[in-house]
Amino acid sequence: MPDFVDGTAFNHEQGNRARKLFAAVVLAALDDAIADDKKYGNGPEQIARWARSRDGREVLSCAGIDPNERVVTGLMEFVKKGVRTSVALSREESERRNAAQAEAA
């Protein structure tokens, strides 16, 4: 019985690692689309095309994201904002957004 529990915990941990790896691929695709948007002006269309493709849907699914049209719209909106993922996920950016919302209210 203990071997079964250890095996299950190991498999769960491996699944979490794989999910994080695919989430990193999604973040890289967002950064590429943001770069395309700044350079060519077609970033939202690029991320939408990728997310709707077979590979994009597979990567989103493996990252634990349901590849539906609402997600595609959200990815497009994120790219339109033009904030790179590393900046958007940072604590400083989060604090700045919260301060801006507090001032607006």
PDB file of N, CA and C in Angstrom:
ATOM      1  N   MET A   1       0.813  -1.205   0.000  1.00  0.00           N
ATOM      2  CA  MET A   1       0.000   0.000   0.000  1.00  0.00           C
ATOM      3  C   MET A   1       0.857   1.271   0.000  1.00  0.00           C
ATOM      4  N   PRO A   2       1.912   1.371   0.820  1.00  0.00           N
ATOM      5  CA  PRO A   2       2.728   2.585   0.795  1.00  0.00           C
ATOM      6  C   PRO A   2       3.349   2.852  -0.579  1.00  0.00           C
ATOM      7  N   ASP A   3       3.677   1.780  -1.316  1.00  0.00           N
ATOM      8  CA  ASP A   3       4.242   1.981  -2.650  1.00  0.00           C
ATOM      9  C   ASP A   3       3.234   2.634  -3.581  1.00  0.00           C
ATOM     10  N   PHE A   4       1.973   2.255  -3.443  1.00  0.00           N
ATOM     11  CA  PHE A   4       0.923   2.854  -4.270  1.00  0.00           C
ATOM     12  C   PHE A   4       0.794   4.348  -3.986  1.00  0.00           C
ATOM     13  N   VAL A   5       0.826   4.712  -2.704  1.00  0.00           N
ATOM     14  CA  VAL A   5       0.709   6.118  -2.322  1.00  0.00           C
ATOM     15  C   VAL A   5       1.902   6.908  -2.835  1.00  0.00           C
ATOM     16  N   ASP A   6       3.102   6.349  -2.688  1.00  0.00           N
ATOM     17  CA  ASP A   6       4.301   7.026  -3.191  1.00  0.00           C
ATOM     18  C   ASP A   6       4.233   7.201  -4.702  1.00  0.00           C
ATOM     19  N   GLY A   7       3.776   6.177  -5.399  1.00  0.00           N
ATOM     20  CA  GLY A   7       3.661   6.255  -6.853  1.00  0.00           C
ATOM     21  C   GLY A   7       2.647   7.291  -7.282  1.00  0.00           C
ATOM     22  N   THR A   8       1.535   7.348  -6.574  1.00  0.00           N
ATOM     23  CA  THR A   8       0.499   8.331  -6.896  1.00  0.00           C
ATOM     24  C   THR A   8       1.009   9.749  -6.650  1.00  0.00           C
ATOM     25  N   ALA A   9       1.702   9.961  -5.544  1.00  0.00           N
ATOM     26  CA  ALA A   9       2.263  11.284  -5.244  1.00  0.00           C
ATOM     27  C   ALA A   9       3.291  11.668  -6.288  1.00  0.00           C
ATOM     28  N   PHE A  10       4.112  10.719  -6.702  1.00  0.00           N
ATOM     29  CA  PHE A  10       5.120  10.993  -7.722  1.00  0.00           C
ATOM     30  C   PHE A  10       4.451  11.371  -9.039  1.00  0.00           C
ATOM     31  N   ASN A  11       3.442  10.615  -9.441  1.00  0.00           N
ATOM     32  CA  ASN A  11       2.742  10.915 -10.693  1.00  0.00           C
ATOM     33  C   ASN A  11       2.054  12.275 -10.630  1.00  0.00           C
ATOM     34  N   HIS A  12       1.482  12.593  -9.480  1.00  0.00           N
ATOM     35  CA  HIS A  12       0.828  13.898  -9.318  1.00  0.00           C
ATOM     36  C   HIS A  12       1.847  15.026  -9.471  1.00  0.00           C
ATOM     37  N   GLU A  13       3.006  14.843  -8.839  1.00  0.00           N
ATOM     38  CA  GLU A  13       4.062  15.855  -8.926  1.00  0.00           C
ATOM     39  C   GLU A  13       4.567  15.995 -10.357  1.00  0.00           C
ATOM     40  N   GLN A  14       4.733  14.886 -11.049  1.00  0.00           N
ATOM     41  CA  GLN A  14       5.166  14.932 -12.451  1.00  0.00           C
ATOM     42  C   GLN A  14       4.128  15.661 -13.303  1.00  0.00           C
ATOM     43  N   GLY A  15       2.854  15.422 -13.035  1.00  0.00           N
ATOM     44  CA  GLY A  15       1.794  16.108 -13.770  1.00  0.00           C
ATOM     45  C   GLY A  15       1.838  17.611 -13.538  1.00  0.00           C
ATOM     46  N   ASN A  16       2.086  18.020 -12.298  1.00  0.00           N
ATOM     47  CA  ASN A  16       2.195  19.452 -11.998  1.00  0.00           C
ATOM     48  C   ASN A  16       3.380  20.076 -12.711  1.00  0.00           C
ATOM     49  N   ARG A  17       4.498  19.361 -12.763  1.00  0.00           N
ATOM     50  CA  ARG A  17       5.674  19.882 -13.469  1.00  0.00           C
ATOM     51  C   ARG A  17       5.393  20.039 -14.955  1.00  0.00           C
ATOM     52  N   ALA A  18       4.729  19.067 -15.544  1.00  0.00           N
ATOM     53  CA  ALA A  18       4.396  19.145 -16.962  1.00  0.00           C
ATOM     54  C   ALA A  18       3.445  20.309 -17.225  1.00  0.00           C
ATOM     55  N   ARG A  19       2.481  20.499 -16.345  1.00  0.00           N
ATOM     56  CA  ARG A  19       1.527  21.601 -16.503  1.00  0.00           C
ATOM     57  C   ARG A  19       2.253  22.945 -16.462  1.00  0.00           C
ATOM     58  N   LYS A  20       3.214  23.079 -15.542  1.00  0.00           N
ATOM     59  CA  LYS A  20       3.988  24.322 -15.446  1.00  0.00           C
ATOM     60  C   LYS A  20       4.824  24.546 -16.693  1.00  0.00           C
ATOM     61  N   LEU A  21       5.369  23.474 -17.243  1.00  0.00           N
ATOM     62  CA  LEU A  21       6.158  23.595 -18.469  1.00  0.00           C
ATOM     63  C   LEU A  21       5.295  24.115 -19.616  1.00  0.00           C
ATOM     64  N   PHE A  22       4.106  23.557 -19.768  1.00  0.00           N
ATOM     65  CA  PHE A  22       3.223  24.020 -20.836  1.00  0.00           C
ATOM     66  C   PHE A  22       2.705  25.430 -20.577  1.00  0.00           C
ATOM     67  N   ALA A  23       2.525  25.800 -19.306  1.00  0.00           N
ATOM     68  CA  ALA A  23       2.134  27.174 -18.991  1.00  0.00           C
ATOM     69  C   ALA A  23       3.245  28.144 -19.405  1.00  0.00           C
ATOM     70  N   ALA A  24       4.500  27.730 -19.257  1.00  0.00           N
ATOM     71  CA  ALA A  24       5.613  28.570 -19.694  1.00  0.00           C
ATOM     72  C   ALA A  24       5.603  28.741 -21.212  1.00  0.00           C
ATOM     73  N   VAL A  25       5.182  27.716 -21.931  1.00  0.00           N
ATOM     74  CA  VAL A  25       5.071  27.823 -23.389  1.00  0.00           C
ATOM     75  C   VAL A  25       3.985  28.836 -23.754  1.00  0.00           C
ATOM     76  N   VAL A  26       2.882  28.820 -23.023  1.00  0.00           N
ATOM     77  CA  VAL A  26       1.806  29.795 -23.274  1.00  0.00           C
ATOM     78  C   VAL A  26       2.322  31.211 -23.020  1.00  0.00           C
ATOM     79  N   LEU A  27       3.059  31.414 -21.937  1.00  0.00           N
ATOM     80  CA  LEU A  27       3.614  32.740 -21.642  1.00  0.00           C
ATOM     81  C   LEU A  27       4.593  33.181 -22.733  1.00  0.00           C
ATOM     82  N   ALA A  28       5.390  32.254 -23.241  1.00  0.00           N
ATOM     83  CA  ALA A  28       6.317  32.589 -24.323  1.00  0.00           C
ATOM     84  C   ALA A  28       5.556  32.974 -25.592  1.00  0.00           C
ATOM     85  N   ALA A  29       4.465  32.270 -25.873  1.00  0.00           N
ATOM     86  CA  ALA A  29       3.652  32.612 -27.046  1.00  0.00           C
ATOM     87  C   ALA A  29       3.052  34.008 -26.887  1.00  0.00           C
ATOM     88  N   LEU A  30       2.622  34.352 -25.671  1.00  0.00           N
ATOM     89  CA  LEU A  30       2.100  35.701 -25.419  1.00  0.00           C
ATOM     90  C   LEU A  30       3.183  36.754 -25.634  1.00  0.00           C
ATOM     91  N   ASP A  31       4.378  36.502 -25.126  1.00  0.00           N
ATOM     92  CA  ASP A  31       5.478  37.450 -25.323  1.00  0.00           C
ATOM     93  C   ASP A  31       5.813  37.621 -26.803  1.00  0.00           C
ATOM     94  N   ASP A  32       5.802  36.520 -27.551  1.00  0.00           N
ATOM     95  CA  ASP A  32       6.054  36.604 -28.994  1.00  0.00           C
ATOM     96  C   ASP A  32       4.977  37.426 -29.692  1.00  0.00           C
ATOM     97  N   ALA A  33       3.729  37.231 -29.292  1.00  0.00           N
ATOM     98  CA  ALA A  33       2.635  37.993 -29.903  1.00  0.00           C
ATOM     99  C   ALA A  33       2.743  39.475 -29.555  1.00  0.00           C
ATOM    100  N   ILE A  34       3.168  39.786 -28.337  1.00  0.00           N
ATOM    101  CA  ILE A  34       3.348  41.189 -27.940  1.00  0.00           C
ATOM    102  C   ILE A  34       4.469  41.822 -28.760  1.00  0.00           C
ATOM    103  N   ALA A  35       5.548  41.069 -28.964  1.00  0.00           N
ATOM    104  CA  ALA A  35       6.647  41.573 -29.792  1.00  0.00           C
ATOM    105  C   ALA A  35       6.177  41.795 -31.227  1.00  0.00           C
ATOM    106  N   ASP A  36       5.384  40.866 -31.765  1.00  0.00           N
ATOM    107  CA  ASP A  36       4.832  41.035 -33.111  1.00  0.00           C
ATOM    108  C   ASP A  36       3.922  42.250 -33.180  1.00  0.00           C
ATOM    109  N   ASP A  37       3.154  42.481 -32.115  1.00  0.00           N
ATOM    110  CA  ASP A  37       2.245  43.617 -32.100  1.00  0.00           C
ATOM    111  C   ASP A  37       3.022  44.927 -32.147  1.00  0.00           C
ATOM    112  N   LYS A  38       4.121  44.992 -31.397  1.00  0.00           N
ATOM    113  CA  LYS A  38       4.926  46.218 -31.391  1.00  0.00           C
ATOM    114  C   LYS A  38       5.646  46.420 -32.720  1.00  0.00           C
ATOM    115  N   LYS A  39       6.056  45.322 -33.345  1.00  0.00           N
ATOM    116  CA  LYS A  39       6.829  45.417 -34.579  1.00  0.00           C
ATOM    117  C   LYS A  39       5.948  45.527 -35.823  1.00  0.00           C
ATOM    118  N   TYR A  40       4.923  44.679 -35.902  1.00  0.00           N
ATOM    119  CA  TYR A  40       4.100  44.611 -37.106  1.00  0.00           C
ATOM    120  C   TYR A  40       2.655  45.051 -36.904  1.00  0.00           C
ATOM    121  N   GLY A  41       2.206  45.130 -35.652  1.00  0.00           N
ATOM    122  CA  GLY A  41       0.835  45.541 -35.382  1.00  0.00           C
ATOM    123  C   GLY A  41      -0.194  44.445 -35.517  1.00  0.00           C
ATOM    124  N   ASN A  42       0.244  43.188 -35.543  1.00  0.00           N
ATOM    125  CA  ASN A  42      -0.717  42.089 -35.714  1.00  0.00           C
ATOM    126  C   ASN A  42      -0.658  41.064 -34.577  1.00  0.00           C
ATOM    127  N   GLY A  43      -0.269  41.488 -33.397  1.00  0.00           N
ATOM    128  CA  GLY A  43      -0.118  40.573 -32.266  1.00  0.00           C
ATOM    129  C   GLY A  43      -1.385  39.853 -31.851  1.00  0.00           C
ATOM    130  N   PRO A  44      -2.505  40.573 -31.654  1.00  0.00           N
ATOM    131  CA  PRO A  44      -3.732  39.879 -31.247  1.00  0.00           C
ATOM    132  C   PRO A  44      -4.188  38.825 -32.264  1.00  0.00           C
ATOM    133  N   GLU A  45      -4.034  39.135 -33.545  1.00  0.00           N
ATOM    134  CA  GLU A  45      -4.416  38.157 -34.569  1.00  0.00           C
ATOM    135  C   GLU A  45      -3.498  36.945 -34.522  1.00  0.00           C
ATOM    136  N   GLN A  46      -2.202  37.162 -34.260  1.00  0.00           N
ATOM    137  CA  GLN A  46      -1.244  36.065 -34.183  1.00  0.00           C
ATOM    138  C   GLN A  46      -1.566  35.120 -33.025  1.00  0.00           C
ATOM    139  N   ILE A  47      -1.841  35.687 -31.846  1.00  0.00           N
ATOM    140  CA  ILE A  47      -2.124  34.828 -30.689  1.00  0.00           C
ATOM    141  C   ILE A  47      -3.453  34.104 -30.884  1.00  0.00           C
ATOM    142  N   ALA A  48      -4.419  34.756 -31.513  1.00  0.00           N
ATOM    143  CA  ALA A  48      -5.702  34.103 -31.773  1.00  0.00           C
ATOM    144  C   ALA A  48      -5.521  32.955 -32.759  1.00  0.00           C
ATOM    145  N   ARG A  49      -4.733  33.166 -33.788  1.00  0.00           N
ATOM    146  CA  ARG A  49      -4.492  32.112 -34.772  1.00  0.00           C
ATOM    147  C   ARG A  49      -3.789  30.931 -34.100  1.00  0.00           C
ATOM    148  N   TRP A  50      -2.801  31.235 -33.233  1.00  0.00           N
ATOM    149  CA  TRP A  50      -2.088  30.164 -32.538  1.00  0.00           C
ATOM    150  C   TRP A  50      -3.022  29.414 -31.589  1.00  0.00           C
ATOM    151  N   ALA A  51      -3.804  30.143 -30.809  1.00  0.00           N
ATOM    152  CA  ALA A  51      -4.672  29.513 -29.815  1.00  0.00           C
ATOM    153  C   ALA A  51      -5.758  28.661 -30.468  1.00  0.00           C
ATOM    154  N   ARG A  52      -6.161  29.009 -31.665  1.00  0.00           N
ATOM    155  CA  ARG A  52      -7.195  28.244 -32.367  1.00  0.00           C
ATOM    156  C   ARG A  52      -6.619  27.080 -33.162  1.00  0.00           C
ATOM    157  N   SER A  53      -5.290  27.068 -33.336  1.00  0.00           N
ATOM    158  CA  SER A  53      -4.660  25.989 -34.088  1.00  0.00           C
ATOM    159  C   SER A  53      -4.653  24.705 -33.264  1.00  0.00           C
ATOM    160  N   ARG A  54      -4.388  23.598 -33.918  1.00  0.00           N
ATOM    161  CA  ARG A  54      -4.348  22.316 -33.217  1.00  0.00           C
ATOM    162  C   ARG A  54      -3.254  22.322 -32.153  1.00  0.00           C
ATOM    163  N   ASP A  55      -2.070  22.811 -32.512  1.00  0.00           N
ATOM    164  CA  ASP A  55      -0.968  22.857 -31.546  1.00  0.00           C
ATOM    165  C   ASP A  55      -1.296  23.777 -30.375  1.00  0.00           C
ATOM    166  N   GLY A  56      -1.873  24.924 -30.661  1.00  0.00           N
ATOM    167  CA  GLY A  56      -2.220  25.869 -29.611  1.00  0.00           C
ATOM    168  C   GLY A  56      -3.240  25.294 -28.648  1.00  0.00           C
ATOM    169  N   ARG A  57      -4.264  24.652 -29.188  1.00  0.00           N
ATOM    170  CA  ARG A  57      -5.278  24.023 -28.322  1.00  0.00           C
ATOM    171  C   ARG A  57      -4.663  22.929 -27.463  1.00  0.00           C
ATOM    172  N   GLU A  58      -3.744  22.169 -28.052  1.00  0.00           N
ATOM    173  CA  GLU A  58      -3.083  21.096 -27.301  1.00  0.00           C
ATOM    174  C   GLU A  58      -2.235  21.664 -26.169  1.00  0.00           C
ATOM    175  N   VAL A  59      -1.469  22.720 -26.450  1.00  0.00           N
ATOM    176  CA  VAL A  59      -0.628  23.332 -25.424  1.00  0.00           C
ATOM    177  C   VAL A  59      -1.491  23.942 -24.320  1.00  0.00           C
ATOM    178  N   LEU A  60      -2.545  24.638 -24.694  1.00  0.00           N
ATOM    179  CA  LEU A  60      -3.436  25.222 -23.693  1.00  0.00           C
ATOM    180  C   LEU A  60      -4.050  24.132 -22.813  1.00  0.00           C
ATOM    181  N   SER A  61      -4.483  23.050 -23.420  1.00  0.00           N
ATOM    182  CA  SER A  61      -5.065  21.948 -22.649  1.00  0.00           C
ATOM    183  C   SER A  61      -4.042  21.355 -21.692  1.00  0.00           C
ATOM    184  N   CYS A  62      -2.824  21.147 -22.162  1.00  0.00           N
ATOM    185  CA  CYS A  62      -1.783  20.568 -21.307  1.00  0.00           C
ATOM    186  C   CYS A  62      -1.388  21.529 -20.187  1.00  0.00           C
ATOM    187  N   ALA A  63      -1.587  22.822 -20.398  1.00  0.00           N
ATOM    188  CA  ALA A  63      -1.290  23.813 -19.365  1.00  0.00           C
ATOM    189  C   ALA A  63      -2.440  23.933 -18.364  1.00  0.00           C
ATOM    190  N   GLY A  64      -3.519  23.201 -18.600  1.00  0.00           N
ATOM    191  CA  GLY A  64      -4.661  23.257 -17.694  1.00  0.00           C
ATOM    192  C   GLY A  64      -5.629  24.375 -18.021  1.00  0.00           C
ATOM    193  N   ILE A  65      -5.576  24.878 -19.251  1.00  0.00           N
ATOM    194  CA  ILE A  65      -6.446  25.973 -19.693  1.00  0.00           C
ATOM    195  C   ILE A  65      -7.419  25.417 -20.723  1.00  0.00           C
ATOM    196  N   ASP A  66      -8.697  25.648 -20.523  1.00  0.00           N
ATOM    197  CA  ASP A  66      -9.704  25.185 -21.472  1.00  0.00           C
ATOM    198  C   ASP A  66      -9.611  26.035 -22.736  1.00  0.00           C
ATOM    199  N   PRO A  67      -9.292  25.432 -23.880  1.00  0.00           N
ATOM    200  CA  PRO A  67      -9.090  26.226 -25.103  1.00  0.00           C
ATOM    201  C   PRO A  67     -10.396  26.620 -25.779  1.00  0.00           C
ATOM    202  N   ASN A  68     -11.171  27.486 -25.124  1.00  0.00           N
ATOM    203  CA  ASN A  68     -12.427  27.929 -25.719  1.00  0.00           C
ATOM    204  C   ASN A  68     -12.290  29.365 -26.239  1.00  0.00           C
ATOM    205  N   GLU A  69     -13.344  29.860 -26.830  1.00  0.00           N
ATOM    206  CA  GLU A  69     -13.287  31.191 -27.462  1.00  0.00           C
ATOM    207  C   GLU A  69     -13.123  32.299 -26.429  1.00  0.00           C
ATOM    208  N   ARG A  70     -13.631  32.102 -25.241  1.00  0.00           N
ATOM    209  CA  ARG A  70     -13.455  33.102 -24.183  1.00  0.00           C
ATOM    210  C   ARG A  70     -11.977  33.258 -23.827  1.00  0.00           C
ATOM    211  N   VAL A  71     -11.257  32.158 -23.792  1.00  0.00           N
ATOM    212  CA  VAL A  71      -9.821  32.193 -23.516  1.00  0.00           C
ATOM    213  C   VAL A  71      -9.091  32.914 -24.640  1.00  0.00           C
ATOM    214  N   VAL A  72      -9.467  32.623 -25.882  1.00  0.00           N
ATOM    215  CA  VAL A  72      -8.830  33.284 -27.031  1.00  0.00           C
ATOM    216  C   VAL A  72      -9.038  34.794 -26.940  1.00  0.00           C
ATOM    217  N   THR A  73     -10.236  35.209 -26.594  1.00  0.00           N
ATOM    218  CA  THR A  73     -10.518  36.640 -26.445  1.00  0.00           C
ATOM    219  C   THR A  73      -9.674  37.248 -25.335  1.00  0.00           C
ATOM    220  N   GLY A  74      -9.527  36.543 -24.225  1.00  0.00           N
ATOM    221  CA  GLY A  74      -8.700  37.023 -23.123  1.00  0.00           C
ATOM    222  C   GLY A  74      -7.238  37.144 -23.517  1.00  0.00           C
ATOM    223  N   LEU A  75      -6.735  36.169 -24.264  1.00  0.00           N
ATOM    224  CA  LEU A  75      -5.350  36.245 -24.737  1.00  0.00           C
ATOM    225  C   LEU A  75      -5.158  37.445 -25.665  1.00  0.00           C
ATOM    226  N   MET A  76      -6.127  37.682 -26.530  1.00  0.00           N
ATOM    227  CA  MET A  76      -6.045  38.827 -27.449  1.00  0.00           C
ATOM    228  C   MET A  76      -6.046  40.146 -26.673  1.00  0.00           C
ATOM    229  N   GLU A  77      -6.883  40.250 -25.652  1.00  0.00           N
ATOM    230  CA  GLU A  77      -6.919  41.463 -24.837  1.00  0.00           C
ATOM    231  C   GLU A  77      -5.604  41.672 -24.102  1.00  0.00           C
ATOM    232  N   PHE A  78      -5.012  40.592 -23.607  1.00  0.00           N
ATOM    233  CA  PHE A  78      -3.732  40.695 -22.916  1.00  0.00           C
ATOM    234  C   PHE A  78      -2.661  41.224 -23.871  1.00  0.00           C
ATOM    235  N   VAL A  79      -2.648  40.710 -25.096  1.00  0.00           N
ATOM    236  CA  VAL A  79      -1.653  41.159 -26.077  1.00  0.00           C
ATOM    237  C   VAL A  79      -1.890  42.621 -26.444  1.00  0.00           C
ATOM    238  N   LYS A  80      -3.144  43.037 -26.551  1.00  0.00           N
ATOM    239  CA  LYS A  80      -3.452  44.432 -26.891  1.00  0.00           C
ATOM    240  C   LYS A  80      -2.915  45.399 -25.844  1.00  0.00           C
ATOM    241  N   LYS A  81      -2.871  44.969 -24.575  1.00  0.00           N
ATOM    242  CA  LYS A  81      -2.346  45.838 -23.520  1.00  0.00           C
ATOM    243  C   LYS A  81      -0.853  46.083 -23.686  1.00  0.00           C
ATOM    244  N   GLY A  82      -0.155  45.141 -24.290  1.00  0.00           N
ATOM    245  CA  GLY A  82       1.254  45.328 -24.601  1.00  0.00           C
ATOM    246  C   GLY A  82       2.206  45.202 -23.430  1.00  0.00           C
ATOM    247  N   VAL A  83       1.757  44.651 -22.306  1.00  0.00           N
ATOM    248  CA  VAL A  83       2.624  44.478 -21.137  1.00  0.00           C
ATOM    249  C   VAL A  83       3.179  43.065 -21.174  1.00  0.00           C
ATOM    250  N   ARG A  84       4.493  42.935 -21.216  1.00  0.00           N
ATOM    251  CA  ARG A  84       5.120  41.618 -21.285  1.00  0.00           C
ATOM    252  C   ARG A  84       4.756  40.791 -20.052  1.00  0.00           C
ATOM    253  N   THR A  85       4.740  39.480 -20.224  1.00  0.00           N
ATOM    254  CA  THR A  85       4.267  38.604 -19.155  1.00  0.00           C
ATOM    255  C   THR A  85       5.136  38.697 -17.906  1.00  0.00           C
ATOM    256  N   SER A  86       6.434  38.854 -18.065  1.00  0.00           N
ATOM    257  CA  SER A  86       7.307  38.942 -16.892  1.00  0.00           C
ATOM    258  C   SER A  86       6.991  40.187 -16.071  1.00  0.00           C
ATOM    259  N   VAL A  87       6.635  41.269 -16.748  1.00  0.00           N
ATOM    260  CA  VAL A  87       6.271  42.507 -16.061  1.00  0.00           C
ATOM    261  C   VAL A  87       4.878  42.379 -15.450  1.00  0.00           C
ATOM    262  N   ALA A  88       3.953  41.813 -16.213  1.00  0.00           N
ATOM    263  CA  ALA A  88       2.570  41.692 -15.741  1.00  0.00           C
ATOM    264  C   ALA A  88       2.468  40.795 -14.510  1.00  0.00           C
ATOM    265  N   LEU A  89       3.352  39.825 -14.393  1.00  0.00           N
ATOM    266  CA  LEU A  89       3.301  38.900 -13.261  1.00  0.00           C
ATOM    267  C   LEU A  89       4.146  39.357 -12.085  1.00  0.00           C
ATOM    268  N   SER A  90       4.807  40.493 -12.215  1.00  0.00           N
ATOM    269  CA  SER A  90       5.682  40.959 -11.142  1.00  0.00           C
ATOM    270  C   SER A  90       4.878  41.639 -10.034  1.00  0.00           C
ATOM    271  N   ARG A  91       5.444  41.674  -8.870  1.00  0.00           N
ATOM    272  CA  ARG A  91       4.796  42.299  -7.713  1.00  0.00           C
ATOM    273  C   ARG A  91       4.649  43.808  -7.924  1.00  0.00           C
ATOM    274  N   GLU A  92       5.666  44.456  -8.499  1.00  0.00           N
ATOM    275  CA  GLU A  92       5.613  45.905  -8.694  1.00  0.00           C
ATOM    276  C   GLU A  92       4.454  46.305  -9.605  1.00  0.00           C
ATOM    277  N   GLU A  93       4.262  45.553 -10.671  1.00  0.00           N
ATOM    278  CA  GLU A  93       3.168  45.856 -11.595  1.00  0.00           C
ATOM    279  C   GLU A  93       1.822  45.657 -10.907  1.00  0.00           C
ATOM    280  N   SER A  94       1.714  44.618 -10.105  1.00  0.00           N
ATOM    281  CA  SER A  94       0.481  44.360  -9.376  1.00  0.00           C
ATOM    282  C   SER A  94       0.174  45.499  -8.407  1.00  0.00           C
ATOM    283  N   GLU A  95       1.183  45.955  -7.701  1.00  0.00           N
ATOM    284  CA  GLU A  95       0.991  47.071  -6.769  1.00  0.00           C
ATOM    285  C   GLU A  95       0.624  48.355  -7.508  1.00  0.00           C
ATOM    286  N   ARG A  96       1.229  48.593  -8.670  1.00  0.00           N
ATOM    287  CA  ARG A  96       0.928  49.786  -9.458  1.00  0.00           C
ATOM    288  C   ARG A  96      -0.523  49.760  -9.936  1.00  0.00           C
ATOM    289  N   ARG A  97      -0.980  48.599 -10.411  1.00  0.00           N
ATOM    290  CA  ARG A  97      -2.376  48.475 -10.882  1.00  0.00           C
ATOM    291  C   ARG A  97      -3.356  48.690  -9.734  1.00  0.00           C
ATOM    292  N   ASN A  98      -3.051  48.109  -8.579  1.00  0.00           N
ATOM    293  CA  ASN A  98      -3.926  48.276  -7.420  1.00  0.00           C
ATOM    294  C   ASN A  98      -3.988  49.740  -6.980  1.00  0.00           C
ATOM    295  N   ALA A  99      -2.856  50.430  -7.020  1.00  0.00           N
ATOM    296  CA  ALA A  99      -2.831  51.849  -6.651  1.00  0.00           C
ATOM    297  C   ALA A  99      -3.639  52.671  -7.654  1.00  0.00           C
ATOM    298  N   ALA A 100      -3.530  52.345  -8.933  1.00  0.00           N
ATOM    299  CA  ALA A 100      -4.284  53.076  -9.955  1.00  0.00           C
ATOM    300  C   ALA A 100      -5.782  52.850  -9.790  1.00  0.00           C
ATOM    301  N   GLN A 101      -6.170  51.644  -9.436  1.00  0.00           N
ATOM    302  CA  GLN A 101      -7.592  51.357  -9.221  1.00  0.00           C
ATOM    303  C   GLN A 101      -8.104  52.076  -7.978  1.00  0.00           C
ATOM    304  N   ALA A 102      -7.284  52.164  -6.954  1.00  0.00           N
ATOM    305  CA  ALA A 102      -7.677  52.848  -5.720  1.00  0.00           C
ATOM    306  C   ALA A 102      -7.867  54.346  -5.967  1.00  0.00           C
ATOM    307  N   GLU A 103      -7.006  54.919  -6.810  1.00  0.00           N
ATOM    308  CA  GLU A 103      -7.134  56.351  -7.132  1.00  0.00           C
ATOM    309  C   GLU A 103      -8.384  56.626  -7.962  1.00  0.00           C
ATOM    310  N   ALA A 104      -8.706  55.687  -8.851  1.00  0.00           N
ATOM    311  CA  ALA A 104      -9.867  55.866  -9.721  1.00  0.00           C
ATOM    312  C   ALA A 104     -11.172  55.745  -8.926  1.00  0.00           C
ATOM    313  N   ALA A 105     -11.157  55.007  -7.859  1.00  0.00           N
ATOM    314  CA  ALA A 105     -12.381  54.774  -7.086  1.00  0.00           C
ATOM    315  C   ALA A 105     -12.675  55.880  -6.110  1.00  0.00           C
TER     316      ALA A 105
END
